[in-house]
Amino acid sequence: MKYNKTRTRLWMYGGLLAAVTCLGLAAAGCSQQTAVSNTQTVSETESAETETSPEIQVTTAPETIPPLSPRGQILPEIQVTVPDATPMPEYLRVGETHPAVAQLQERLMELGFMDYDEPTEYFGTQTERAVKIFQRQNGLDEDGIVGNSTYQAIMSPDAKYYAAQKGDSGDDIQQIQSRLFQLGYLASEDLVTGNFGDSTEAAVLKLQELNGLTQDGKIGRQTMNLLYSDEVKANLLAFGDHSEVVLACQERLKELGYLFTEPDGTYGQDTVNAVKQFQSRNDQVVDGYLGPSTRAALNSPDAKPMGLRLGDEGDSVSKVQTLLNQYGYLSSGNVTGYYGEITENAVRSFQSRNGLSSDGTVGALTMAKLTGDNVTRAAAGSSSGGSSSKGSSSGGSTSKGSSKGSSGGSSSGTVKMAGGVNSLISVAKSKLGSPYVWGAKGPNSFDCSGFVYWCLNQVGVNQSYITSSGWRNVGRYTRINNFSDIQAGDIVVVTGHVGIAAGGGTVIDASSSNGRVIHHALSSWWANNFICAWRIFG
């Protein structure tokens, strides 16, 4: 009887303890431990009965079971660290650095308000300029500061592409007017004011008329893209024209050594070639047209005369080589259009026998002598020969190579210059920190294509100024089609941008997003936007 009472009591205490344990553990989601606890309690109680003690032994919960609270099991406190996102400033302005700036720049580039470039997190003066132009177009305060209303307008999917129209003013308008003047649509340079007035509107309407665009007098996406394209039709003297103005220009081109034939007032292919050569050496857009800008440069006392030299190529080189061959200084096999060492030696020999300074370059005096009536021919058997591949170790004046380069692109030759890769990179590095200015070609400020143009000419490569889009199809250098094959000294062309490879996976470029010339990595952005590279030096 005593055994049964004791057992009953034990079961009651055990059940009570189990009930308390179950309630606590259930709240903590640990019902499985309840069964374990209950089993352990019964087992311990039965073990106590086997010891002859008549008293009930109160047992403590196992150490493996955490203490309980009315709400369940007390668990150790867990420290969770969540990184704080950098809050976006209320206003983005010059000097700010924030991830939102990169998104802002990328959007401004997409909309045509900022030159295409690798976005950065830094808000510089070029970003401010782009914001001001956007604000002008969208009727916002033109303060260059991005508050909520400006930010929402720029990032809106309905945001409009860059446009300019009558009443607008700014440096972007000045650049547009400069190009309209170059193309002959603005009559005089004093109309390049930065203010979009009646004369600019009339010039845009005429441009649109002659080029088959909708005539609205505004600079929209189509008109803007046309301005610097190879397809634009100029409103100026061009191939086929015949006039006294053409005759006067030909006489000046002849005087400076660019024209080989006698002036006749007819704008033929020889005149086109002469004009292009002049433009390339006098900081003009090379299009072969005699527009107001080219005519002004041509008649300037500071006009640079002809100066063909090692590394040049084209129709003018072919003309010189033909004349050298005619007078016995160059073999016919070396009339190729490329100015290599064989051509240079032939020019030196011609100059020496004709009383000129023997420097190996074809300037105005040498050109005048070559195209004159009183030429001393080469000594018998002294004609230069030894044809070799262009860009070979001999640097000969021969045909362009057609072999495939290691990059998989067609090799059209490389330029052999004394300065070479190291000189080009040194010149580029000397301009680190120089400000980015749209349309600038040096020496103290640059845009991306102006920077490449200036650096190449500093090391003796006679490269005319062309826009970044023009660098897609230069044809003069060895084309590199694989991003992984880029070498130091290569000109790297990406969508809307261009820079100079500096070795070690880096590039030097005039960056609109950074607002200056910088030296940085050829990042995934460059790889993703890569079009080609051009190998300037062998």
Protein backbone atom coordinates (compact mmCIF):
# COMPACT_ATOMS: atom_id res chain seq x y z
CA MET A 1 0.00 0.00 0.00
CA LYS A 2 2.83 2.29 0.98
CA TYR A 3 4.56 1.40 -2.28
CA ASN A 4 1.48 2.30 -4.30
CA LYS A 5 1.06 5.66 -2.52
CA THR A 6 4.67 6.48 -2.99
CA ARG A 7 4.49 5.50 -6.61
CA THR A 8 1.34 7.58 -7.07
CA ARG A 9 2.98 10.60 -5.50
CA LEU A 10 6.02 10.14 -7.62
CA TRP A 11 3.93 9.97 -10.72
CA MET A 12 2.09 13.12 -9.64
CA TYR A 13 5.32 15.03 -9.00
CA GLY A 14 6.78 13.67 -12.20
CA GLY A 15 3.70 14.62 -14.16
CA LEU A 16 3.67 18.11 -12.67
CA LEU A 17 7.32 18.63 -13.51
CA ALA A 18 6.73 17.29 -17.00
CA ALA A 19 3.78 19.63 -17.46
CA VAL A 20 5.81 22.66 -16.40
CA THR A 21 8.67 21.59 -18.63
CA CYS A 22 6.33 20.98 -21.56
CA LEU A 23 4.73 24.41 -21.27
CA GLY A 24 8.10 26.13 -21.22
CA LEU A 25 9.62 24.15 -24.04
CA ALA A 26 6.55 24.33 -26.21
CA ALA A 27 6.77 28.10 -26.14
CA ALA A 28 10.31 27.81 -27.39
CA GLY A 29 9.45 25.25 -30.06
CA CYS A 30 11.29 22.42 -28.35
CA SER A 31 8.60 19.73 -27.83
CA GLN A 32 11.10 16.99 -28.50
CA GLN A 33 13.08 17.92 -25.41
CA THR A 34 9.90 17.60 -23.32
CA ALA A 35 9.73 13.89 -24.02
CA VAL A 36 13.37 13.50 -23.10
CA SER A 37 12.88 15.45 -19.87
CA ASN A 38 9.82 13.38 -18.92
CA THR A 39 11.64 10.10 -19.53
CA GLN A 40 14.62 11.26 -17.51
CA THR A 41 12.38 12.26 -14.57
CA VAL A 42 10.59 8.91 -14.42
CA SER A 43 13.86 7.02 -14.70
CA GLU A 44 15.46 8.99 -11.89
CA THR A 45 12.39 8.57 -9.67
CA GLU A 46 12.27 4.83 -10.14
CA SER A 47 15.96 4.69 -9.36
CA ALA A 48 15.32 6.57 -6.13
CA GLU A 49 12.66 4.03 -5.12
CA THR A 50 15.12 1.21 -5.32
CA GLU A 51 17.08 2.94 -2.55
CA THR A 52 15.07 2.31 0.57
CA SER A 53 14.57 6.00 1.37
CA PRO A 54 10.96 6.68 2.31
CA GLU A 55 11.29 10.36 1.47
CA ILE A 56 10.76 11.83 -1.95
CA GLN A 57 14.01 12.95 -3.50
CA VAL A 58 13.68 16.24 -5.44
CA THR A 59 15.89 16.18 -8.51
CA THR A 60 17.20 19.22 -10.46
CA ALA A 61 16.89 19.58 -14.18
CA PRO A 62 19.85 18.31 -16.16
CA GLU A 63 22.52 20.90 -16.96
CA THR A 64 21.93 20.30 -20.65
CA ILE A 65 18.51 21.91 -20.47
CA PRO A 66 18.78 25.72 -20.50
CA PRO A 67 16.92 27.58 -17.75
CA LEU A 68 13.32 28.49 -18.42
CA SER A 69 11.39 31.71 -18.22
CA PRO A 70 7.62 32.15 -18.29
CA ARG A 71 7.95 32.73 -22.01
CA GLY A 72 10.12 29.74 -22.67
CA GLN A 73 13.74 28.87 -22.89
CA ILE A 74 16.31 31.60 -22.24
CA LEU A 75 18.74 31.57 -25.13
CA PRO A 76 22.13 33.26 -25.19
CA GLU A 77 22.07 36.69 -26.79
CA ILE A 78 23.28 36.65 -30.45
CA GLN A 79 24.99 39.77 -31.80
CA VAL A 80 24.03 40.39 -35.47
CA THR A 81 25.91 43.18 -37.28
CA VAL A 82 24.18 44.64 -40.34
CA PRO A 83 26.37 47.04 -42.39
CA ASP A 84 24.85 50.48 -42.73
CA ALA A 85 24.31 51.66 -46.32
CA THR A 86 25.87 55.06 -46.96
CA PRO A 87 22.90 57.38 -47.01
CA MET A 88 22.52 59.47 -50.12
CA PRO A 89 23.13 63.16 -49.42
CA GLU A 90 20.14 65.43 -49.74
CA TYR A 91 22.00 67.23 -52.52
CA LEU A 92 24.69 65.95 -54.92
CA ARG A 93 27.10 68.68 -55.94
CA VAL A 94 30.74 69.30 -56.91
CA GLY A 95 33.06 67.52 -54.50
CA GLU A 96 30.61 64.80 -53.41
CA THR A 97 31.62 61.14 -53.60
CA HIS A 98 28.79 58.59 -53.48
CA PRO A 99 27.67 55.47 -55.42
CA ALA A 100 24.63 57.43 -56.63
CA VAL A 101 26.96 59.73 -58.61
CA ALA A 102 28.05 56.82 -60.84
CA GLN A 103 24.40 56.02 -61.62
CA LEU A 104 23.78 59.69 -62.31
CA GLN A 105 26.73 59.95 -64.72
CA GLU A 106 25.75 56.78 -66.55
CA ARG A 107 22.25 58.15 -67.11
CA LEU A 108 23.53 61.53 -68.29
CA MET A 109 25.79 59.75 -70.78
CA GLU A 110 22.88 57.67 -72.07
CA LEU A 111 20.87 60.84 -72.63
CA GLY A 112 23.68 62.63 -74.46
CA PHE A 113 24.37 65.33 -71.86
CA MET A 114 27.81 63.99 -70.97
CA ASP A 115 30.56 62.43 -73.08
CA TYR A 116 30.57 58.65 -72.79
CA ASP A 117 33.13 57.42 -70.27
CA GLU A 118 33.60 55.01 -67.37
CA PRO A 119 31.29 56.31 -64.60
CA THR A 120 32.81 57.23 -61.25
CA GLU A 121 31.43 58.02 -57.81
CA TYR A 122 32.96 61.51 -57.89
CA PHE A 123 30.86 64.56 -58.74
CA GLY A 124 33.23 66.83 -60.68
CA THR A 125 32.89 69.94 -62.81
CA GLN A 126 32.01 67.99 -65.98
CA THR A 127 29.17 66.26 -64.16
CA GLU A 128 28.03 69.68 -62.94
CA ARG A 129 28.17 70.99 -66.53
CA ALA A 130 26.04 68.10 -67.78
CA VAL A 131 23.51 68.62 -64.98
CA LYS A 132 23.22 72.32 -65.81
CA ILE A 133 22.51 71.55 -69.47
CA PHE A 134 19.88 68.98 -68.43
CA GLN A 135 18.30 71.51 -66.07
CA ARG A 136 18.27 74.12 -68.82
CA GLN A 137 16.49 71.76 -71.19
CA ASN A 138 13.93 70.73 -68.57
CA GLY A 139 13.06 74.13 -67.10
CA LEU A 140 14.81 73.53 -63.76
CA ASP A 141 17.04 75.93 -61.85
CA GLU A 142 20.42 75.83 -63.60
CA ASP A 143 22.55 75.47 -60.48
CA GLY A 144 24.29 72.18 -61.33
CA ILE A 145 23.13 70.74 -58.00
CA VAL A 146 21.16 67.49 -57.97
CA GLY A 147 18.33 67.63 -55.47
CA ASN A 148 15.31 65.37 -55.42
CA SER A 149 13.46 66.99 -58.35
CA THR A 150 16.54 67.03 -60.62
CA TYR A 151 17.50 63.49 -59.65
CA GLN A 152 14.01 62.13 -60.33
CA ALA A 153 13.87 63.95 -63.68
CA ILE A 154 17.24 62.56 -64.82
CA MET A 155 16.51 59.00 -63.74
CA SER A 156 12.97 59.00 -65.12
CA PRO A 157 12.38 56.49 -67.95
CA ASP A 158 10.65 59.34 -69.79
CA ALA A 159 13.68 61.65 -69.66
CA LYS A 160 14.43 63.22 -73.05
CA TYR A 161 17.69 63.04 -75.01
CA TYR A 162 19.90 66.13 -75.24
CA ALA A 163 18.52 68.89 -77.43
CA ALA A 164 19.37 72.53 -78.08
CA GLN A 165 17.18 75.22 -79.57
CA LYS A 166 16.77 78.95 -80.04
CA GLY A 167 17.20 80.82 -76.78
CA ASP A 168 19.68 78.38 -75.25
CA SER A 169 23.17 79.46 -74.24
CA GLY A 170 26.26 77.70 -72.96
CA ASP A 171 29.58 76.19 -73.97
CA ASP A 172 27.74 73.32 -75.65
CA ILE A 173 26.08 75.83 -77.97
CA GLN A 174 29.49 77.37 -78.71
CA GLN A 175 30.85 73.96 -79.74
CA ILE A 176 27.86 73.36 -82.03
CA GLN A 177 28.34 76.78 -83.61
CA SER A 178 32.05 76.10 -84.17
CA ARG A 179 31.20 72.96 -86.11
CA LEU A 180 28.50 74.75 -88.11
CA PHE A 181 31.11 77.38 -89.00
CA GLN A 182 33.61 74.70 -90.06
CA LEU A 183 30.97 73.16 -92.32
CA GLY A 184 30.07 76.52 -93.88
CA TYR A 185 26.60 76.92 -92.39
CA LEU A 186 27.58 79.91 -90.25
CA ALA A 187 29.00 82.67 -92.41
CA SER A 188 31.64 84.08 -90.05
CA GLU A 189 33.52 83.19 -86.90
CA ASP A 190 32.10 86.13 -84.97
CA LEU A 191 28.76 84.27 -84.95
CA VAL A 192 30.29 81.63 -82.64
CA THR A 193 29.01 83.24 -79.45
CA GLY A 194 27.52 80.49 -77.31
CA ASN A 195 24.04 81.97 -77.76
CA PHE A 196 21.53 80.10 -79.93
CA GLY A 197 19.98 82.95 -81.92
CA ASP A 198 18.41 83.51 -85.33
CA SER A 199 21.62 82.94 -87.30
CA THR A 200 22.29 79.62 -85.57
CA GLU A 201 18.73 78.48 -86.12
CA ALA A 202 18.99 79.38 -89.82
CA ALA A 203 22.29 77.46 -90.04
CA VAL A 204 20.74 74.38 -88.44
CA LEU A 205 17.75 74.54 -90.78
CA LYS A 206 20.10 74.69 -93.79
CA LEU A 207 22.14 71.77 -92.44
CA GLN A 208 18.99 69.70 -91.99
CA GLU A 209 17.74 70.61 -95.46
CA LEU A 210 20.92 69.60 -97.28
CA ASN A 211 21.25 66.39 -95.26
CA GLY A 212 17.66 65.17 -95.55
CA LEU A 213 16.61 65.60 -91.91
CA THR A 214 13.37 67.00 -90.54
CA GLN A 215 13.74 70.77 -90.60
CA ASP A 216 12.91 72.04 -87.13
CA GLY A 217 15.94 74.25 -86.46
CA LYS A 218 16.78 72.30 -83.29
CA ILE A 219 19.77 70.13 -82.40
CA GLY A 220 18.28 66.76 -81.50
CA ARG A 221 19.81 63.31 -81.48
CA GLN A 222 19.90 62.86 -85.28
CA THR A 223 21.27 66.32 -85.98
CA MET A 224 23.87 66.05 -83.23
CA ASN A 225 25.08 62.66 -84.46
CA LEU A 226 25.29 64.02 -88.02
CA LEU A 227 27.46 67.01 -87.15
CA TYR A 228 30.67 65.01 -86.72
CA SER A 229 29.89 62.05 -88.95
CA ASP A 230 31.70 61.25 -92.17
CA GLU A 231 28.40 61.45 -94.05
CA VAL A 232 27.62 65.10 -93.28
CA LYS A 233 27.21 67.29 -96.35
CA ALA A 234 28.94 70.63 -96.01
CA ASN A 235 27.71 73.98 -97.27
CA LEU A 236 31.01 75.07 -98.74
CA LEU A 237 33.48 74.70 -101.55
CA ALA A 238 33.86 71.05 -102.49
CA PHE A 239 34.76 68.62 -105.24
CA GLY A 240 33.53 69.80 -108.67
CA ASP A 241 33.22 73.49 -107.82
CA HIS A 242 34.89 76.07 -110.08
CA SER A 243 35.46 79.66 -109.00
CA GLU A 244 37.98 82.41 -108.32
CA VAL A 245 37.79 81.51 -104.64
CA VAL A 246 38.93 77.98 -105.46
CA LEU A 247 41.77 79.38 -107.58
CA ALA A 248 42.98 81.64 -104.75
CA CYS A 249 42.91 78.71 -102.30
CA GLN A 250 44.83 76.51 -104.75
CA GLU A 251 47.53 79.14 -105.13
CA ARG A 252 47.94 79.33 -101.36
CA LEU A 253 48.04 75.52 -101.09
CA LYS A 254 50.71 75.48 -103.79
CA GLU A 255 52.72 78.12 -101.95
CA LEU A 256 52.62 76.07 -98.75
CA GLY A 257 53.66 72.92 -100.58
CA TYR A 258 50.39 70.96 -100.42
CA LEU A 259 49.32 71.13 -104.08
CA PHE A 260 51.29 69.29 -106.76
CA THR A 261 49.43 70.46 -109.84
CA GLU A 262 49.01 73.93 -111.35
CA PRO A 263 46.11 75.98 -109.92
CA ASP A 264 43.21 76.16 -112.38
CA GLY A 265 40.18 77.17 -110.27
CA THR A 266 38.60 73.70 -110.49
CA TYR A 267 38.11 71.76 -107.29
CA GLY A 268 39.43 68.35 -108.37
CA GLN A 269 40.79 65.35 -106.51
CA ASP A 270 44.28 66.87 -106.25
CA THR A 271 42.75 69.85 -104.44
CA VAL A 272 40.76 67.58 -102.13
CA ASN A 273 43.95 65.71 -101.17
CA ALA A 274 45.84 68.97 -100.66
CA VAL A 275 43.10 70.38 -98.45
CA LYS A 276 43.02 67.22 -96.31
CA GLN A 277 46.78 67.35 -95.83
CA PHE A 278 46.57 71.00 -94.86
CA GLN A 279 43.74 70.36 -92.43
CA SER A 280 45.56 67.50 -90.73
CA ARG A 281 48.58 69.72 -90.02
CA ASN A 282 46.64 72.81 -89.00
CA ASP A 283 44.24 71.49 -86.35
CA GLN A 284 41.21 71.41 -88.63
CA VAL A 285 38.59 68.70 -88.95
CA VAL A 286 39.85 66.61 -91.87
CA ASP A 287 36.97 66.49 -94.35
CA GLY A 288 38.46 67.85 -97.62
CA TYR A 289 36.09 70.82 -97.75
CA LEU A 290 37.13 74.47 -98.02
CA GLY A 291 34.87 75.88 -95.35
CA PRO A 292 35.23 79.22 -93.56
CA SER A 293 37.40 77.75 -90.81
CA THR A 294 39.80 76.05 -93.24
CA ARG A 295 40.00 79.13 -95.44
CA ALA A 296 40.78 81.30 -92.42
CA ALA A 297 43.56 78.91 -91.36
CA LEU A 298 44.86 78.70 -94.93
CA ASN A 299 45.21 82.47 -95.24
CA SER A 300 46.68 82.90 -91.77
CA PRO A 301 50.36 83.90 -91.52
CA ASP A 302 50.65 81.06 -88.98
CA ALA A 303 49.57 78.38 -91.48
CA LYS A 304 51.87 75.35 -91.23
CA PRO A 305 53.47 74.36 -94.53
CA MET A 306 53.64 70.86 -95.93
CA GLY A 307 56.00 68.51 -94.11
CA LEU A 308 55.80 64.87 -95.18
CA ARG A 309 58.10 62.67 -93.14
CA LEU A 310 58.85 59.17 -91.89
CA GLY A 311 55.67 57.32 -90.94
CA ASP A 312 53.25 59.29 -93.16
CA GLU A 313 51.10 57.65 -95.78
CA GLY A 314 48.44 58.53 -98.30
CA ASP A 315 47.96 60.02 -101.73
CA SER A 316 50.38 62.88 -101.09
CA VAL A 317 53.14 60.40 -100.26
CA SER A 318 52.36 58.50 -103.46
CA LYS A 319 52.64 61.74 -105.47
CA VAL A 320 56.05 62.52 -103.96
CA GLN A 321 57.25 58.96 -104.58
CA THR A 322 56.07 59.14 -108.19
CA LEU A 323 58.05 62.33 -108.72
CA LEU A 324 61.12 60.82 -107.04
CA ASN A 325 60.79 57.82 -109.34
CA GLN A 326 60.39 60.09 -112.37
CA TYR A 327 63.71 61.78 -111.60
CA GLY A 328 65.51 58.53 -110.82
CA TYR A 329 65.71 58.75 -107.01
CA LEU A 330 63.29 55.92 -106.19
CA SER A 331 62.48 52.63 -107.89
CA SER A 332 58.94 52.06 -109.12
CA GLY A 333 58.49 49.16 -106.69
CA ASN A 334 58.70 51.61 -103.79
CA VAL A 335 55.88 53.88 -104.97
CA THR A 336 53.47 52.59 -102.31
CA GLY A 337 52.02 55.57 -100.45
CA TYR A 338 53.98 54.79 -97.29
CA TYR A 339 56.86 57.07 -96.21
CA GLY A 340 59.50 54.66 -94.92
CA GLU A 341 63.27 54.81 -94.64
CA ILE A 342 63.81 54.08 -98.35
CA THR A 343 61.67 57.09 -99.28
CA GLU A 344 63.43 59.19 -96.64
CA ASN A 345 66.83 58.29 -98.14
CA ALA A 346 65.58 59.11 -101.63
CA VAL A 347 64.39 62.55 -100.43
CA ARG A 348 67.75 63.22 -98.80
CA SER A 349 69.52 62.37 -102.04
CA PHE A 350 67.16 64.61 -104.04
CA GLN A 351 67.68 67.50 -101.63
CA SER A 352 71.45 67.11 -101.68
CA ARG A 353 71.66 67.17 -105.51
CA ASN A 354 69.22 70.09 -105.79
CA GLY A 355 70.83 72.49 -103.31
CA LEU A 356 68.35 72.00 -100.46
CA SER A 357 68.86 71.21 -96.80
CA SER A 358 69.13 67.42 -96.62
CA ASP A 359 66.75 66.59 -93.75
CA GLY A 360 64.71 63.82 -95.40
CA THR A 361 61.38 65.62 -95.00
CA VAL A 362 59.27 67.08 -97.79
CA GLY A 363 58.49 70.68 -96.87
CA ALA A 364 57.37 73.58 -99.00
CA LEU A 365 60.79 74.20 -100.57
CA THR A 366 61.35 70.53 -101.42
CA MET A 367 57.83 70.28 -102.82
CA ALA A 368 58.31 73.40 -104.92
CA LYS A 369 61.54 71.98 -106.33
CA LEU A 370 59.98 68.56 -107.01
CA THR A 371 57.08 70.12 -108.91
CA GLY A 372 59.18 72.77 -110.70
CA ASP A 373 60.80 72.77 -114.12
CA ASN A 374 64.46 72.88 -113.12
CA VAL A 375 65.14 69.54 -111.39
CA THR A 376 68.51 67.86 -111.19
CA ARG A 377 68.07 64.17 -111.83
CA ALA A 378 69.69 61.42 -109.79
CA ALA A 379 73.10 60.08 -110.73
CA ALA A 380 72.93 57.03 -112.95
CA GLY A 381 72.24 53.81 -111.01
CA SER A 382 71.52 55.57 -107.71
CA SER A 383 67.79 54.80 -107.54
CA SER A 384 66.74 53.54 -104.09
CA GLY A 385 65.42 50.01 -104.01
CA GLY A 386 65.19 47.12 -101.62
CA SER A 387 61.46 46.76 -101.25
CA SER A 388 60.36 45.35 -97.93
CA SER A 389 57.21 44.98 -95.92
CA LYS A 390 55.86 48.11 -94.31
CA GLY A 391 56.66 48.19 -90.65
CA SER A 392 59.59 45.80 -91.07
CA SER A 393 62.98 46.39 -89.51
CA SER A 394 64.13 48.28 -92.59
CA GLY A 395 61.22 50.70 -92.36
CA GLY A 396 61.13 50.67 -96.14
CA SER A 397 58.69 52.57 -98.25
CA THR A 398 56.77 49.59 -99.51
CA SER A 399 53.35 48.05 -99.67
CA LYS A 400 51.29 47.49 -96.58
CA GLY A 401 51.59 44.11 -94.99
CA SER A 402 48.67 41.75 -95.30
CA SER A 403 49.68 39.16 -92.76
CA LYS A 404 47.49 38.47 -89.77
CA GLY A 405 48.69 39.81 -86.46
CA SER A 406 48.69 37.78 -83.27
CA SER A 407 45.50 39.53 -82.27
CA GLY A 408 43.59 38.05 -85.16
CA GLY A 409 43.11 41.42 -86.88
CA SER A 410 44.41 42.36 -90.28
CA SER A 411 47.82 43.92 -89.96
CA SER A 412 47.99 47.12 -91.95
CA GLY A 413 51.41 48.07 -90.65
CA THR A 414 52.94 50.00 -87.80
CA VAL A 415 54.80 53.26 -87.56
CA LYS A 416 58.51 53.24 -86.73
CA MET A 417 59.35 56.31 -84.71
CA ALA A 418 62.42 57.16 -82.67
CA GLY A 419 60.29 58.06 -79.64
CA GLY A 420 58.25 54.89 -79.64
CA VAL A 421 56.06 53.47 -76.90
CA ASN A 422 58.02 54.81 -73.93
CA SER A 423 58.00 58.35 -75.27
CA LEU A 424 54.25 58.22 -75.93
CA ILE A 425 53.50 57.01 -72.41
CA SER A 426 55.86 59.59 -70.89
CA VAL A 427 54.14 62.38 -72.82
CA ALA A 428 50.72 61.09 -71.74
CA LYS A 429 51.79 60.89 -68.08
CA SER A 430 53.14 64.44 -68.23
CA LYS A 431 49.55 65.63 -68.64
CA LEU A 432 48.04 63.73 -65.71
CA GLY A 433 45.65 66.02 -63.86
CA SER A 434 45.07 68.34 -66.81
CA PRO A 435 41.40 69.37 -66.95
CA TYR A 436 38.91 67.70 -69.26
CA VAL A 437 37.28 70.25 -71.59
CA TRP A 438 34.89 69.17 -74.31
CA GLY A 439 36.46 69.74 -77.76
CA ALA A 440 39.87 70.77 -76.37
CA LYS A 441 43.01 69.51 -78.13
CA GLY A 442 45.72 70.67 -75.71
CA PRO A 443 48.21 71.60 -74.64
CA ASN A 444 46.71 72.31 -71.21
CA SER A 445 43.19 70.86 -71.49
CA PHE A 446 41.75 67.98 -73.49
CA ASP A 447 38.77 65.86 -74.38
CA CYS A 448 39.42 62.15 -74.93
CA SER A 449 40.18 62.29 -78.67
CA GLY A 450 42.02 65.62 -78.34
CA PHE A 451 44.31 64.02 -75.74
CA VAL A 452 45.23 61.12 -78.06
CA TYR A 453 45.72 63.52 -80.97
CA TRP A 454 48.04 65.80 -78.98
CA CYS A 455 50.12 62.99 -77.47
CA LEU A 456 50.69 61.25 -80.81
CA ASN A 457 51.82 64.43 -82.51
CA GLN A 458 54.22 65.20 -79.65
CA VAL A 459 56.14 61.99 -80.40
CA GLY A 460 56.24 62.57 -84.15
CA VAL A 461 53.16 60.64 -85.33
CA ASN A 462 51.35 62.95 -87.75
CA GLN A 463 47.81 62.01 -86.76
CA SER A 464 44.98 64.38 -87.62
CA TYR A 465 42.29 65.21 -85.08
CA ILE A 466 39.38 62.78 -85.26
CA THR A 467 36.54 62.11 -82.85
CA SER A 468 36.26 58.92 -80.83
CA SER A 469 33.84 57.49 -83.38
CA GLY A 470 36.37 58.21 -86.14
CA TRP A 471 38.91 56.01 -84.33
CA ARG A 472 36.78 52.96 -85.13
CA ASN A 473 38.12 52.79 -88.68
CA VAL A 474 41.45 54.58 -88.98
CA GLY A 475 43.04 52.00 -91.28
CA ARG A 476 46.54 53.39 -90.93
CA TYR A 477 47.75 51.22 -88.04
CA THR A 478 47.60 47.56 -87.03
CA ARG A 479 44.10 46.72 -85.80
CA ILE A 480 43.84 44.71 -82.55
CA ASN A 481 40.52 42.92 -82.20
CA ASN A 482 41.03 41.10 -78.89
CA PHE A 483 40.94 43.01 -75.62
CA SER A 484 43.44 40.59 -74.06
CA ASP A 485 46.02 41.46 -76.77
CA ILE A 486 46.29 45.16 -75.87
CA GLN A 487 49.88 46.31 -75.32
CA ALA A 488 51.46 49.47 -73.95
CA GLY A 489 51.25 52.30 -76.50
CA ASP A 490 48.11 50.97 -78.21
CA ILE A 491 45.19 53.34 -78.76
CA VAL A 492 42.19 51.70 -77.08
CA VAL A 493 38.80 52.43 -78.65
CA VAL A 494 35.57 51.78 -76.77
CA THR A 495 32.03 52.94 -77.42
CA GLY A 496 32.19 56.72 -77.44
CA HIS A 497 35.64 56.97 -75.86
CA VAL A 498 39.37 56.50 -76.53
CA GLY A 499 42.54 56.26 -74.44
CA ILE A 500 46.23 55.25 -74.49
CA ALA A 501 47.22 51.85 -73.05
CA ALA A 502 50.02 52.37 -70.53
CA GLY A 503 51.00 48.75 -69.79
CA GLY A 504 50.23 46.53 -66.84
CA GLY A 505 46.52 46.52 -67.63
CA THR A 506 46.20 50.31 -67.31
CA VAL A 507 45.14 53.20 -69.53
CA ILE A 508 45.67 56.97 -69.59
CA ASP A 509 42.75 59.01 -70.85
CA ALA A 510 41.04 62.37 -70.60
CA SER A 511 38.04 61.36 -68.51
CA SER A 512 34.83 63.36 -68.52
CA SER A 513 33.54 61.56 -65.42
CA ASN A 514 36.73 62.35 -63.48
CA GLY A 515 37.06 65.79 -65.06
CA ARG A 516 40.76 65.39 -65.80
CA VAL A 517 43.46 63.22 -67.40
CA ILE A 518 43.90 60.09 -65.26
CA HIS A 519 45.91 56.85 -65.16
CA HIS A 520 43.80 53.89 -64.07
CA ALA A 521 42.98 50.23 -64.69
CA LEU A 522 41.54 48.84 -67.91
CA SER A 523 38.52 47.68 -65.95
CA SER A 524 35.59 45.49 -66.94
CA TRP A 525 33.88 48.63 -68.23
CA TRP A 526 36.58 48.95 -70.91
CA ALA A 527 36.34 45.24 -71.71
CA ASN A 528 32.54 45.34 -71.99
CA ASN A 529 32.60 48.39 -74.29
CA PHE A 530 35.70 47.42 -76.30
CA ILE A 531 35.60 47.95 -80.07
CA CYS A 532 39.26 47.65 -81.10
CA ALA A 533 42.75 48.94 -80.43
CA TRP A 534 45.34 50.35 -82.82
CA ARG A 535 49.01 49.44 -82.59
CA ILE A 536 50.95 52.58 -83.47
CA PHE A 537 54.47 51.28 -82.95
CA GLY A 538 56.11 47.98 -83.90
